[in-house]
Amino acid sequence: EAAKTKRALLTRFLQEKLSQEEQSSLWGLHKVRTLWRSAQRK
């Protein structure tokens, strides 16, 4: 039960971490696209 709980906590932590990384990745991609468009405009 403790191992299950630990696995569930670890799974939830990893899912949250993955979600944060995806959001961070999307934000970074948005920043890169914005900078690229700005460079193209210039």
PDB file of all heavy atoms in Angstrom:
ATOM      1  N   GLU A   1       0.845  -1.204   0.000  1.00  0.00           N
ATOM      2  CA  GLU A   1       0.000   0.000   0.000  1.00  0.00           C
ATOM      3  C   GLU A   1       0.878   1.251   0.000  1.00  0.00           C
ATOM      4  O   GLU A   1       0.618   2.213  -0.728  1.00  0.00           O
ATOM      5  CB  GLU A   1      -0.935   0.013   1.226  1.00  0.00           C
ATOM      6  CG  GLU A   1      -2.127  -0.922   1.121  1.00  0.00           C
ATOM      7  CD  GLU A   1      -3.074  -0.557  -0.002  1.00  0.00           C
ATOM      8  OE1 GLU A   1      -3.323   0.665  -0.221  1.00  0.00           O
ATOM      9  OE2 GLU A   1      -3.539  -1.463  -0.711  1.00  0.00           O
ATOM     10  N   ALA A   2       1.931   1.208   0.843  1.00  0.00           N
ATOM     11  CA  ALA A   2       2.847   2.359   0.910  1.00  0.00           C
ATOM     12  C   ALA A   2       3.526   2.551  -0.453  1.00  0.00           C
ATOM     13  O   ALA A   2       3.678   3.681  -0.937  1.00  0.00           O
ATOM     14  CB  ALA A   2       3.894   2.158   2.003  1.00  0.00           C
ATOM     15  N   ALA A   3       3.941   1.403  -1.073  1.00  0.00           N
ATOM     16  CA  ALA A   3       4.589   1.491  -2.387  1.00  0.00           C
ATOM     17  C   ALA A   3       3.601   2.026  -3.423  1.00  0.00           C
ATOM     18  O   ALA A   3       3.947   2.852  -4.276  1.00  0.00           O
ATOM     19  CB  ALA A   3       5.123   0.124  -2.808  1.00  0.00           C
ATOM     20  N   LYS A   4       2.336   1.580  -3.335  1.00  0.00           N
ATOM     21  CA  LYS A   4       1.300   2.051  -4.255  1.00  0.00           C
ATOM     22  C   LYS A   4       1.095   3.550  -4.087  1.00  0.00           C
ATOM     23  O   LYS A   4       1.025   4.308  -5.054  1.00  0.00           O
ATOM     24  CB  LYS A   4      -0.027   1.326  -3.958  1.00  0.00           C
ATOM     25  CG  LYS A   4      -0.446   0.348  -4.993  1.00  0.00           C
ATOM     26  CD  LYS A   4      -1.878  -0.092  -4.678  1.00  0.00           C
ATOM     27  CE  LYS A   4      -2.105  -1.496  -5.184  1.00  0.00           C
ATOM     28  NZ  LYS A   4      -3.424  -1.990  -4.865  1.00  0.00           N
ATOM     29  N   THR A   5       0.967   3.964  -2.806  1.00  0.00           N
ATOM     30  CA  THR A   5       0.783   5.384  -2.517  1.00  0.00           C
ATOM     31  C   THR A   5       1.976   6.182  -3.020  1.00  0.00           C
ATOM     32  O   THR A   5       1.828   7.246  -3.627  1.00  0.00           O
ATOM     33  CB  THR A   5       0.613   5.591  -0.995  1.00  0.00           C
ATOM     34  OG1 THR A   5      -0.439   4.759  -0.529  1.00  0.00           O
ATOM     35  CG2 THR A   5       0.311   7.030  -0.667  1.00  0.00           C
ATOM     36  N   LYS A   6       3.178   5.621  -2.770  1.00  0.00           N
ATOM     37  CA  LYS A   6       4.390   6.301  -3.226  1.00  0.00           C
ATOM     38  C   LYS A   6       4.414   6.401  -4.749  1.00  0.00           C
ATOM     39  O   LYS A   6       4.740   7.443  -5.305  1.00  0.00           O
ATOM     40  CB  LYS A   6       5.614   5.514  -2.719  1.00  0.00           C
ATOM     41  CG  LYS A   6       6.900   6.258  -2.820  1.00  0.00           C
ATOM     42  CD  LYS A   6       8.017   5.454  -2.152  1.00  0.00           C
ATOM     43  CE  LYS A   6       9.320   6.209  -2.209  1.00  0.00           C
ATOM     44  NZ  LYS A   6      10.402   5.473  -1.582  1.00  0.00           N
ATOM     45  N   ARG A   7       4.036   5.277  -5.418  1.00  0.00           N
ATOM     46  CA  ARG A   7       3.977   5.290  -6.890  1.00  0.00           C
ATOM     47  C   ARG A   7       2.952   6.301  -7.384  1.00  0.00           C
ATOM     48  O   ARG A   7       3.189   7.043  -8.347  1.00  0.00           O
ATOM     49  CB  ARG A   7       3.650   3.897  -7.420  1.00  0.00           C
ATOM     50  CG  ARG A   7       4.850   2.999  -7.578  1.00  0.00           C
ATOM     51  CD  ARG A   7       4.550   1.799  -8.465  1.00  0.00           C
ATOM     52  NE  ARG A   7       3.404   1.001  -8.034  1.00  0.00           N
ATOM     53  CZ  ARG A   7       3.452  -0.030  -7.209  1.00  0.00           C
ATOM     54  NH1 ARG A   7       4.608  -0.419  -6.707  1.00  0.00           N
ATOM     55  NH2 ARG A   7       2.368  -0.669  -6.890  1.00  0.00           N
ATOM     56  N   ALA A   8       1.768   6.359  -6.717  1.00  0.00           N
ATOM     57  CA  ALA A   8       0.727   7.299  -7.114  1.00  0.00           C
ATOM     58  C   ALA A   8       1.227   8.736  -6.950  1.00  0.00           C
ATOM     59  O   ALA A   8       1.035   9.587  -7.825  1.00  0.00           O
ATOM     60  CB  ALA A   8      -0.539   7.070  -6.294  1.00  0.00           C
ATOM     61  N   LEU A   9       1.886   9.003  -5.791  1.00  0.00           N
ATOM     62  CA  LEU A   9       2.428  10.341  -5.560  1.00  0.00           C
ATOM     63  C   LEU A   9       3.490  10.685  -6.612  1.00  0.00           C
ATOM     64  O   LEU A   9       3.511  11.787  -7.161  1.00  0.00           O
ATOM     65  CB  LEU A   9       3.038  10.431  -4.155  1.00  0.00           C
ATOM     66  CG  LEU A   9       2.052  10.596  -3.007  1.00  0.00           C
ATOM     67  CD1 LEU A   9       2.778  10.475  -1.660  1.00  0.00           C
ATOM     68  CD2 LEU A   9       1.344  11.938  -3.090  1.00  0.00           C
ATOM     69  N   LEU A  10       4.368   9.708  -6.865  1.00  0.00           N
ATOM     70  CA  LEU A  10       5.430   9.920  -7.856  1.00  0.00           C
ATOM     71  C   LEU A  10       4.839  10.136  -9.244  1.00  0.00           C
ATOM     72  O   LEU A  10       5.272  11.029  -9.981  1.00  0.00           O
ATOM     73  CB  LEU A  10       6.386   8.712  -7.848  1.00  0.00           C
ATOM     74  CG  LEU A  10       7.642   8.854  -8.692  1.00  0.00           C
ATOM     75  CD1 LEU A  10       8.486  10.008  -8.200  1.00  0.00           C
ATOM     76  CD2 LEU A  10       8.455   7.563  -8.652  1.00  0.00           C
ATOM     77  N   THR A  11       3.809   9.339  -9.578  1.00  0.00           N
ATOM     78  CA  THR A  11       3.144   9.480 -10.877  1.00  0.00           C
ATOM     79  C   THR A  11       2.503  10.855 -10.992  1.00  0.00           C
ATOM     80  O   THR A  11       2.650  11.557 -12.018  1.00  0.00           O
ATOM     81  CB  THR A  11       2.074   8.392 -11.058  1.00  0.00           C
ATOM     82  OG1 THR A  11       2.689   7.114 -10.957  1.00  0.00           O
ATOM     83  CG2 THR A  11       1.372   8.514 -12.395  1.00  0.00           C
ATOM     84  N   ARG A  12       1.795  11.277  -9.916  1.00  0.00           N
ATOM     85  CA  ARG A  12       1.155  12.587  -9.938  1.00  0.00           C
ATOM     86  C   ARG A  12       2.212  13.699 -10.043  1.00  0.00           C
ATOM     87  O   ARG A  12       2.067  14.651 -10.797  1.00  0.00           O
ATOM     88  CB  ARG A  12       0.294  12.784  -8.698  1.00  0.00           C
ATOM     89  CG  ARG A  12      -0.575  14.018  -8.816  1.00  0.00           C
ATOM     90  CD  ARG A  12      -1.630  14.079  -7.755  1.00  0.00           C
ATOM     91  NE  ARG A  12      -1.089  13.643  -6.459  1.00  0.00           N
ATOM     92  CZ  ARG A  12      -1.778  13.597  -5.336  1.00  0.00           C
ATOM     93  NH1 ARG A  12      -3.020  13.953  -5.337  1.00  0.00           N
ATOM     94  NH2 ARG A  12      -1.241  13.205  -4.223  1.00  0.00           N
ATOM     95  N   PHE A  13       3.321  13.545  -9.284  1.00  0.00           N
ATOM     96  CA  PHE A  13       4.398  14.536  -9.342  1.00  0.00           C
ATOM     97  C   PHE A  13       4.976  14.618 -10.763  1.00  0.00           C
ATOM     98  O   PHE A  13       5.170  15.708 -11.308  1.00  0.00           O
ATOM     99  CB  PHE A  13       5.494  14.156  -8.337  1.00  0.00           C
ATOM    100  CG  PHE A  13       6.722  15.005  -8.461  1.00  0.00           C
ATOM    101  CD1 PHE A  13       6.743  16.305  -7.965  1.00  0.00           C
ATOM    102  CD2 PHE A  13       7.859  14.520  -9.088  1.00  0.00           C
ATOM    103  CE1 PHE A  13       7.872  17.082  -8.088  1.00  0.00           C
ATOM    104  CE2 PHE A  13       8.986  15.297  -9.214  1.00  0.00           C
ATOM    105  CZ  PHE A  13       9.005  16.590  -8.706  1.00  0.00           C
ATOM    106  N   LEU A  14       5.192  13.439 -11.361  1.00  0.00           N
ATOM    107  CA  LEU A  14       5.766  13.418 -12.706  1.00  0.00           C
ATOM    108  C   LEU A  14       4.782  14.002 -13.734  1.00  0.00           C
ATOM    109  O   LEU A  14       5.190  14.706 -14.664  1.00  0.00           O
ATOM    110  CB  LEU A  14       6.165  11.996 -13.097  1.00  0.00           C
ATOM    111  CG  LEU A  14       7.404  11.446 -12.374  1.00  0.00           C
ATOM    112  CD1 LEU A  14       7.640   9.989 -12.752  1.00  0.00           C
ATOM    113  CD2 LEU A  14       8.622  12.277 -12.714  1.00  0.00           C
ATOM    114  N   GLN A  15       3.479  13.696 -13.535  1.00  0.00           N
ATOM    115  CA  GLN A  15       2.482  14.268 -14.451  1.00  0.00           C
ATOM    116  C   GLN A  15       2.444  15.790 -14.332  1.00  0.00           C
ATOM    117  O   GLN A  15       2.372  16.507 -15.335  1.00  0.00           O
ATOM    118  CB  GLN A  15       1.102  13.670 -14.156  1.00  0.00           C
ATOM    119  CG  GLN A  15       0.937  12.275 -14.709  1.00  0.00           C
ATOM    120  CD  GLN A  15      -0.407  11.655 -14.321  1.00  0.00           C
ATOM    121  OE1 GLN A  15      -1.088  12.154 -13.424  1.00  0.00           O
ATOM    122  NE2 GLN A  15      -0.770  10.569 -14.990  1.00  0.00           N
ATOM    123  N   GLU A  16       2.477  16.294 -13.086  1.00  0.00           N
ATOM    124  CA  GLU A  16       2.492  17.746 -12.890  1.00  0.00           C
ATOM    125  C   GLU A  16       3.757  18.353 -13.498  1.00  0.00           C
ATOM    126  O   GLU A  16       3.711  19.395 -14.142  1.00  0.00           O
ATOM    127  CB  GLU A  16       2.402  18.085 -11.396  1.00  0.00           C
ATOM    128  CG  GLU A  16       1.022  17.871 -10.823  1.00  0.00           C
ATOM    129  CD  GLU A  16       0.973  18.121  -9.317  1.00  0.00           C
ATOM    130  OE1 GLU A  16       1.997  18.572  -8.752  1.00  0.00           O
ATOM    131  OE2 GLU A  16      -0.078  17.858  -8.723  1.00  0.00           O
ATOM    132  N   LYS A  17       4.878  17.661 -13.248  1.00  0.00           N
ATOM    133  CA  LYS A  17       6.147  18.140 -13.805  1.00  0.00           C
ATOM    134  C   LYS A  17       6.078  18.146 -15.343  1.00  0.00           C
ATOM    135  O   LYS A  17       6.511  19.105 -15.991  1.00  0.00           O
ATOM    136  CB  LYS A  17       7.282  17.219 -13.323  1.00  0.00           C
ATOM    137  CG  LYS A  17       8.653  17.655 -13.694  1.00  0.00           C
ATOM    138  CD  LYS A  17       9.094  18.796 -12.808  1.00  0.00           C
ATOM    139  CE  LYS A  17      10.553  19.098 -13.089  1.00  0.00           C
ATOM    140  NZ  LYS A  17      10.903  20.453 -12.670  1.00  0.00           N
ATOM    141  N   LEU A  18       5.499  17.074 -15.929  1.00  0.00           N
ATOM    142  CA  LEU A  18       5.351  16.996 -17.381  1.00  0.00           C
ATOM    143  C   LEU A  18       4.442  18.117 -17.889  1.00  0.00           C
ATOM    144  O   LEU A  18       4.747  18.775 -18.898  1.00  0.00           O
ATOM    145  CB  LEU A  18       4.784  15.630 -17.779  1.00  0.00           C
ATOM    146  CG  LEU A  18       4.566  15.412 -19.274  1.00  0.00           C
ATOM    147  CD1 LEU A  18       5.891  15.445 -20.021  1.00  0.00           C
ATOM    148  CD2 LEU A  18       3.842  14.099 -19.530  1.00  0.00           C
ATOM    149  N   SER A  19       3.339  18.359 -17.179  1.00  0.00           N
ATOM    150  CA  SER A  19       2.415  19.419 -17.569  1.00  0.00           C
ATOM    151  C   SER A  19       3.120  20.779 -17.514  1.00  0.00           C
ATOM    152  O   SER A  19       3.002  21.598 -18.428  1.00  0.00           O
ATOM    153  CB  SER A  19       1.199  19.408 -16.640  1.00  0.00           C
ATOM    154  OG  SER A  19       0.362  20.498 -16.924  1.00  0.00           O
ATOM    155  N   GLN A  20       3.876  21.000 -16.417  1.00  0.00           N
ATOM    156  CA  GLN A  20       4.633  22.260 -16.304  1.00  0.00           C
ATOM    157  C   GLN A  20       5.653  22.384 -17.432  1.00  0.00           C
ATOM    158  O   GLN A  20       5.821  23.457 -18.020  1.00  0.00           O
ATOM    159  CB  GLN A  20       5.355  22.333 -14.951  1.00  0.00           C
ATOM    160  CG  GLN A  20       4.438  22.600 -13.776  1.00  0.00           C
ATOM    161  CD  GLN A  20       5.189  22.537 -12.457  1.00  0.00           C
ATOM    162  OE1 GLN A  20       6.374  22.218 -12.411  1.00  0.00           O
ATOM    163  NE2 GLN A  20       4.478  22.826 -11.368  1.00  0.00           N
ATOM    164  N   GLU A  21       6.331  21.296 -17.729  1.00  0.00           N
ATOM    165  CA  GLU A  21       7.329  21.321 -18.813  1.00  0.00           C
ATOM    166  C   GLU A  21       6.660  21.599 -20.152  1.00  0.00           C
ATOM    167  O   GLU A  21       7.197  22.336 -20.982  1.00  0.00           O
ATOM    168  CB  GLU A  21       8.099  19.995 -18.869  1.00  0.00           C
ATOM    169  CG  GLU A  21       9.109  19.812 -17.765  1.00  0.00           C
ATOM    170  CD  GLU A  21      10.213  20.854 -17.814  1.00  0.00           C
ATOM    171  OE1 GLU A  21      10.671  21.209 -18.923  1.00  0.00           O
ATOM    172  OE2 GLU A  21      10.602  21.351 -16.739  1.00  0.00           O
ATOM    173  N   GLU A  22       5.464  20.982 -20.379  1.00  0.00           N
ATOM    174  CA  GLU A  22       4.740  21.245 -21.623  1.00  0.00           C
ATOM    175  C   GLU A  22       4.347  22.714 -21.721  1.00  0.00           C
ATOM    176  O   GLU A  22       4.527  23.354 -22.763  1.00  0.00           O
ATOM    177  CB  GLU A  22       3.498  20.350 -21.718  1.00  0.00           C
ATOM    178  CG  GLU A  22       3.811  18.913 -22.074  1.00  0.00           C
ATOM    179  CD  GLU A  22       2.567  18.025 -22.055  1.00  0.00           C
ATOM    180  OE1 GLU A  22       1.510  18.488 -21.565  1.00  0.00           O
ATOM    181  OE2 GLU A  22       2.657  16.885 -22.536  1.00  0.00           O
ATOM    182  N   GLN A  23       3.826  23.274 -20.613  1.00  0.00           N
ATOM    183  CA  GLN A  23       3.464  24.694 -20.608  1.00  0.00           C
ATOM    184  C   GLN A  23       4.698  25.569 -20.821  1.00  0.00           C
ATOM    185  O   GLN A  23       4.668  26.525 -21.597  1.00  0.00           O
ATOM    186  CB  GLN A  23       2.778  25.068 -19.282  1.00  0.00           C
ATOM    187  CG  GLN A  23       1.363  24.550 -19.186  1.00  0.00           C
ATOM    188  CD  GLN A  23       0.712  24.913 -17.859  1.00  0.00           C
ATOM    189  OE1 GLN A  23       1.375  25.432 -16.963  1.00  0.00           O
ATOM    190  NE2 GLN A  23      -0.579  24.614 -17.732  1.00  0.00           N
ATOM    191  N   SER A  24       5.760  25.205 -20.144  1.00  0.00           N
ATOM    192  CA  SER A  24       7.015  25.958 -20.304  1.00  0.00           C
ATOM    193  C   SER A  24       7.521  25.861 -21.739  1.00  0.00           C
ATOM    194  O   SER A  24       7.986  26.834 -22.327  1.00  0.00           O
ATOM    195  CB  SER A  24       8.057  25.412 -19.320  1.00  0.00           C
ATOM    196  OG  SER A  24       9.281  26.056 -19.496  1.00  0.00           O
ATOM    197  N   SER A  25       7.401  24.650 -22.301  1.00  0.00           N
ATOM    198  CA  SER A  25       7.825  24.440 -23.677  1.00  0.00           C
ATOM    199  C   SER A  25       6.975  25.265 -24.643  1.00  0.00           C
ATOM    200  O   SER A  25       7.500  25.899 -25.565  1.00  0.00           O
ATOM    201  CB  SER A  25       7.731  22.952 -24.018  1.00  0.00           C
ATOM    202  OG  SER A  25       8.010  22.747 -25.377  1.00  0.00           O
ATOM    203  N   LEU A  26       5.647  25.255 -24.401  1.00  0.00           N
ATOM    204  CA  LEU A  26       4.757  26.053 -25.248  1.00  0.00           C
ATOM    205  C   LEU A  26       5.088  27.541 -25.125  1.00  0.00           C
ATOM    206  O   LEU A  26       5.143  28.267 -26.114  1.00  0.00           O
ATOM    207  CB  LEU A  26       3.292  25.821 -24.865  1.00  0.00           C
ATOM    208  CG  LEU A  26       2.682  24.497 -25.326  1.00  0.00           C
ATOM    209  CD1 LEU A  26       1.283  24.338 -24.751  1.00  0.00           C
ATOM    210  CD2 LEU A  26       2.646  24.433 -26.841  1.00  0.00           C
ATOM    211  N   TRP A  27       5.337  27.997 -23.883  1.00  0.00           N
ATOM    212  CA  TRP A  27       5.681  29.405 -23.665  1.00  0.00           C
ATOM    213  C   TRP A  27       7.005  29.748 -24.356  1.00  0.00           C
ATOM    214  O   TRP A  27       7.140  30.783 -24.997  1.00  0.00           O
ATOM    215  CB  TRP A  27       5.743  29.681 -22.172  1.00  0.00           C
ATOM    216  CG  TRP A  27       6.113  31.091 -21.840  1.00  0.00           C
ATOM    217  CD1 TRP A  27       7.218  31.514 -21.211  1.00  0.00           C
ATOM    218  CD2 TRP A  27       5.362  32.271 -22.141  1.00  0.00           C
ATOM    219  NE1 TRP A  27       7.231  32.878 -21.093  1.00  0.00           N
ATOM    220  CE2 TRP A  27       6.088  33.368 -21.668  1.00  0.00           C
ATOM    221  CE3 TRP A  27       4.163  32.507 -22.786  1.00  0.00           C
ATOM    222  CZ2 TRP A  27       5.662  34.681 -21.800  1.00  0.00           C
ATOM    223  CZ3 TRP A  27       3.732  33.824 -22.917  1.00  0.00           C
ATOM    224  CH2 TRP A  27       4.472  34.883 -22.431  1.00  0.00           C
ATOM    225  N   GLY A  28       7.969  28.831 -24.226  1.00  0.00           N
ATOM    226  CA  GLY A  28       9.262  29.037 -24.889  1.00  0.00           C
ATOM    227  C   GLY A  28       9.106  29.065 -26.403  1.00  0.00           C
ATOM    228  O   GLY A  28       9.712  29.902 -27.083  1.00  0.00           O
ATOM    229  N   LEU A  29       8.284  28.159 -26.938  1.00  0.00           N
ATOM    230  CA  LEU A  29       8.034  28.124 -28.383  1.00  0.00           C
ATOM    231  C   LEU A  29       7.361  29.416 -28.835  1.00  0.00           C
ATOM    232  O   LEU A  29       7.721  29.991 -29.871  1.00  0.00           O
ATOM    233  CB  LEU A  29       7.151  26.917 -28.724  1.00  0.00           C
ATOM    234  CG  LEU A  29       6.901  26.651 -30.208  1.00  0.00           C
ATOM    235  CD1 LEU A  29       8.214  26.378 -30.929  1.00  0.00           C
ATOM    236  CD2 LEU A  29       5.947  25.477 -30.380  1.00  0.00           C
ATOM    237  N   HIS A  30       6.413  29.897 -28.006  1.00  0.00           N
ATOM    238  CA  HIS A  30       5.748  31.169 -28.316  1.00  0.00           C
ATOM    239  C   HIS A  30       6.773  32.311 -28.336  1.00  0.00           C
ATOM    240  O   HIS A  30       6.765  33.149 -29.243  1.00  0.00           O
ATOM    241  CB  HIS A  30       4.656  31.445 -27.281  1.00  0.00           C
ATOM    242  CG  HIS A  30       3.994  32.773 -27.442  1.00  0.00           C
ATOM    243  ND1 HIS A  30       3.161  33.068 -28.496  1.00  0.00           N
ATOM    244  CD2 HIS A  30       4.060  33.909 -26.689  1.00  0.00           C
ATOM    245  CE1 HIS A  30       2.747  34.315 -28.388  1.00  0.00           C
ATOM    246  NE2 HIS A  30       3.278  34.849 -27.307  1.00  0.00           N
ATOM    247  N   LYS A  31       7.667  32.319 -27.350  1.00  0.00           N
ATOM    248  CA  LYS A  31       8.710  33.354 -27.296  1.00  0.00           C
ATOM    249  C   LYS A  31       9.617  33.274 -28.520  1.00  0.00           C
ATOM    250  O   LYS A  31       9.937  34.289 -29.142  1.00  0.00           O
ATOM    251  CB  LYS A  31       9.567  33.189 -26.033  1.00  0.00           C
ATOM    252  CG  LYS A  31       9.023  33.831 -24.811  1.00  0.00           C
ATOM    253  CD  LYS A  31      10.052  33.712 -23.699  1.00  0.00           C
ATOM    254  CE  LYS A  31       9.600  34.400 -22.447  1.00  0.00           C
ATOM    255  NZ  LYS A  31      10.580  34.240 -21.369  1.00  0.00           N
ATOM    256  N   VAL A  32      10.010  32.046 -28.868  1.00  0.00           N
ATOM    257  CA  VAL A  32      10.890  31.862 -30.034  1.00  0.00           C
ATOM    258  C   VAL A  32      10.186  32.344 -31.301  1.00  0.00           C
ATOM    259  O   VAL A  32      10.785  33.052 -32.123  1.00  0.00           O
ATOM    260  CB  VAL A  32      11.312  30.379 -30.160  1.00  0.00           C
ATOM    261  CG1 VAL A  32      11.938  30.095 -31.507  1.00  0.00           C
ATOM    262  CG2 VAL A  32      12.277  30.010 -29.042  1.00  0.00           C
ATOM    263  N   ARG A  33       8.910  31.963 -31.464  1.00  0.00           N
ATOM    264  CA  ARG A  33       8.166  32.409 -32.656  1.00  0.00           C
ATOM    265  C   ARG A  33       8.045  33.931 -32.693  1.00  0.00           C
ATOM    266  O   ARG A  33       8.193  34.550 -33.743  1.00  0.00           O
ATOM    267  CB  ARG A  33       6.779  31.776 -32.672  1.00  0.00           C
ATOM    268  CG  ARG A  33       6.788  30.334 -33.086  1.00  0.00           C
ATOM    269  CD  ARG A  33       5.392  29.768 -33.149  1.00  0.00           C
ATOM    270  NE  ARG A  33       5.418  28.369 -33.548  1.00  0.00           N
ATOM    271  CZ  ARG A  33       4.469  27.502 -33.264  1.00  0.00           C
ATOM    272  NH1 ARG A  33       3.407  27.899 -32.578  1.00  0.00           N
ATOM    273  NH2 ARG A  33       4.567  26.256 -33.663  1.00  0.00           N
ATOM    274  N   THR A  34       7.767  34.530 -31.529  1.00  0.00           N
ATOM    275  CA  THR A  34       7.647  35.988 -31.457  1.00  0.00           C
ATOM    276  C   THR A  34       8.970  36.645 -31.845  1.00  0.00           C
ATOM    277  O   THR A  34       8.997  37.593 -32.641  1.00  0.00           O
ATOM    278  CB  THR A  34       7.236  36.427 -30.038  1.00  0.00           C
ATOM    279  OG1 THR A  34       6.015  35.781 -29.683  1.00  0.00           O
ATOM    280  CG2 THR A  34       7.062  37.923 -29.963  1.00  0.00           C
ATOM    281  N   LEU A  35      10.072  36.139 -31.296  1.00  0.00           N
ATOM    282  CA  LEU A  35      11.382  36.703 -31.624  1.00  0.00           C
ATOM    283  C   LEU A  35      11.706  36.497 -33.105  1.00  0.00           C
ATOM    284  O   LEU A  35      12.268  37.395 -33.759  1.00  0.00           O
ATOM    285  CB  LEU A  35      12.472  36.063 -30.751  1.00  0.00           C
ATOM    286  CG  LEU A  35      12.456  36.487 -29.275  1.00  0.00           C
ATOM    287  CD1 LEU A  35      13.432  35.652 -28.476  1.00  0.00           C
ATOM    288  CD2 LEU A  35      12.786  37.960 -29.140  1.00  0.00           C
ATOM    289  N   TRP A  36      11.356  35.331 -33.632  1.00  0.00           N
ATOM    290  CA  TRP A  36      11.621  35.052 -35.055  1.00  0.00           C
ATOM    291  C   TRP A  36      10.821  36.012 -35.943  1.00  0.00           C
ATOM    292  O   TRP A  36      11.348  36.583 -36.892  1.00  0.00           O
ATOM    293  CB  TRP A  36      11.262  33.597 -35.360  1.00  0.00           C
ATOM    294  CG  TRP A  36      11.368  33.239 -36.810  1.00  0.00           C
ATOM    295  CD1 TRP A  36      10.352  32.915 -37.645  1.00  0.00           C
ATOM    296  CD2 TRP A  36      12.550  33.203 -37.606  1.00  0.00           C
ATOM    297  NE1 TRP A  36      10.816  32.678 -38.891  1.00  0.00           N
ATOM    298  CE2 TRP A  36      12.175  32.834 -38.912  1.00  0.00           C
ATOM    299  CE3 TRP A  36      13.900  33.445 -37.351  1.00  0.00           C
ATOM    300  CZ2 TRP A  36      13.087  32.712 -39.949  1.00  0.00           C
ATOM    301  CZ3 TRP A  36      14.803  33.315 -38.383  1.00  0.00           C
ATOM    302  CH2 TRP A  36      14.400  32.958 -39.666  1.00  0.00           C
ATOM    303  N   ARG A  37       9.533  36.193 -35.595  1.00  0.00           N
ATOM    304  CA  ARG A  37       8.718  37.134 -36.371  1.00  0.00           C
ATOM    305  C   ARG A  37       9.276  38.554 -36.278  1.00  0.00           C
ATOM    306  O   ARG A  37       9.298  39.284 -37.262  1.00  0.00           O
ATOM    307  CB  ARG A  37       7.276  37.109 -35.880  1.00  0.00           C
ATOM    308  CG  ARG A  37       6.530  35.864 -36.302  1.00  0.00           C
ATOM    309  CD  ARG A  37       5.068  35.924 -35.887  1.00  0.00           C
ATOM    310  NE  ARG A  37       4.418  34.653 -36.151  1.00  0.00           N
ATOM    311  CZ  ARG A  37       3.645  34.008 -35.291  1.00  0.00           C
ATOM    312  NH1 ARG A  37       3.416  34.544 -34.105  1.00  0.00           N
ATOM    313  NH2 ARG A  37       3.100  32.858 -35.604  1.00  0.00           N
ATOM    314  N   SER A  38       9.709  38.914 -35.081  1.00  0.00           N
ATOM    315  CA  SER A  38      10.296  40.249 -34.898  1.00  0.00           C
ATOM    316  C   SER A  38      11.546  40.401 -35.764  1.00  0.00           C
ATOM    317  O   SER A  38      11.731  41.437 -36.423  1.00  0.00           O
ATOM    318  CB  SER A  38      10.634  40.457 -33.422  1.00  0.00           C
ATOM    319  OG  SER A  38      11.295  41.672 -33.240  1.00  0.00           O
ATOM    320  N   ALA A  39      12.382  39.368 -35.778  1.00  0.00           N
ATOM    321  CA  ALA A  39      13.596  39.415 -36.606  1.00  0.00           C
ATOM    322  C   ALA A  39      13.230  39.501 -38.086  1.00  0.00           C
ATOM    323  O   ALA A  39      13.851  40.263 -38.844  1.00  0.00           O
ATOM    324  CB  ALA A  39      14.461  38.183 -36.338  1.00  0.00           C
ATOM    325  N   GLN A  40      12.223  38.730 -38.495  1.00  0.00           N
ATOM    326  CA  GLN A  40      11.786  38.784 -39.894  1.00  0.00           C
ATOM    327  C   GLN A  40      11.226  40.166 -40.244  1.00  0.00           C
ATOM    328  O   GLN A  40      11.496  40.704 -41.317  1.00  0.00           O
ATOM    329  CB  GLN A  40      10.715  37.722 -40.164  1.00  0.00           C
ATOM    330  CG  GLN A  40      11.282  36.326 -40.320  1.00  0.00           C
ATOM    331  CD  GLN A  40      10.202  35.311 -40.653  1.00  0.00           C
ATOM    332  OE1 GLN A  40       9.098  35.371 -40.134  1.00  0.00           O
ATOM    333  NE2 GLN A  40      10.526  34.374 -41.510  1.00  0.00           N
ATOM    334  N   ARG A  41      10.447  40.755 -39.320  1.00  0.00           N
ATOM    335  CA  ARG A  41       9.900  42.097 -39.555  1.00  0.00           C
ATOM    336  C   ARG A  41      11.026  43.111 -39.711  1.00  0.00           C
ATOM    337  O   ARG A  41      10.972  43.978 -40.587  1.00  0.00           O
ATOM    338  CB  ARG A  41       8.987  42.511 -38.406  1.00  0.00           C
ATOM    339  CG  ARG A  41       7.616  41.895 -38.475  1.00  0.00           C
ATOM    340  CD  ARG A  41       6.672  42.521 -37.438  1.00  0.00           C
ATOM    341  NE  ARG A  41       5.514  41.684 -37.271  1.00  0.00           N
ATOM    342  CZ  ARG A  41       5.253  40.954 -36.182  1.00  0.00           C
ATOM    343  NH1 ARG A  41       6.062  41.005 -35.150  1.00  0.00           N
ATOM    344  NH2 ARG A  41       4.182  40.196 -36.124  1.00  0.00           N
ATOM    345  N   LYS A  42      12.025  43.003 -38.842  1.00  0.00           N
ATOM    346  CA  LYS A  42      13.156  43.939 -38.928  1.00  0.00           C
ATOM    347  C   LYS A  42      13.873  43.792 -40.257  1.00  0.00           C
ATOM    348  O   LYS A  42      14.222  44.780 -40.904  1.00  0.00           O
ATOM    349  CB  LYS A  42      14.130  43.711 -37.776  1.00  0.00           C
ATOM    350  CG  LYS A  42      13.669  44.277 -36.466  1.00  0.00           C
ATOM    351  CD  LYS A  42      14.684  44.039 -35.362  1.00  0.00           C
ATOM    352  CE  LYS A  42      14.164  44.524 -34.021  1.00  0.00           C
ATOM    353  NZ  LYS A  42      15.069  44.197 -32.928  1.00  0.00           N
TER     354      LYS A  42
END
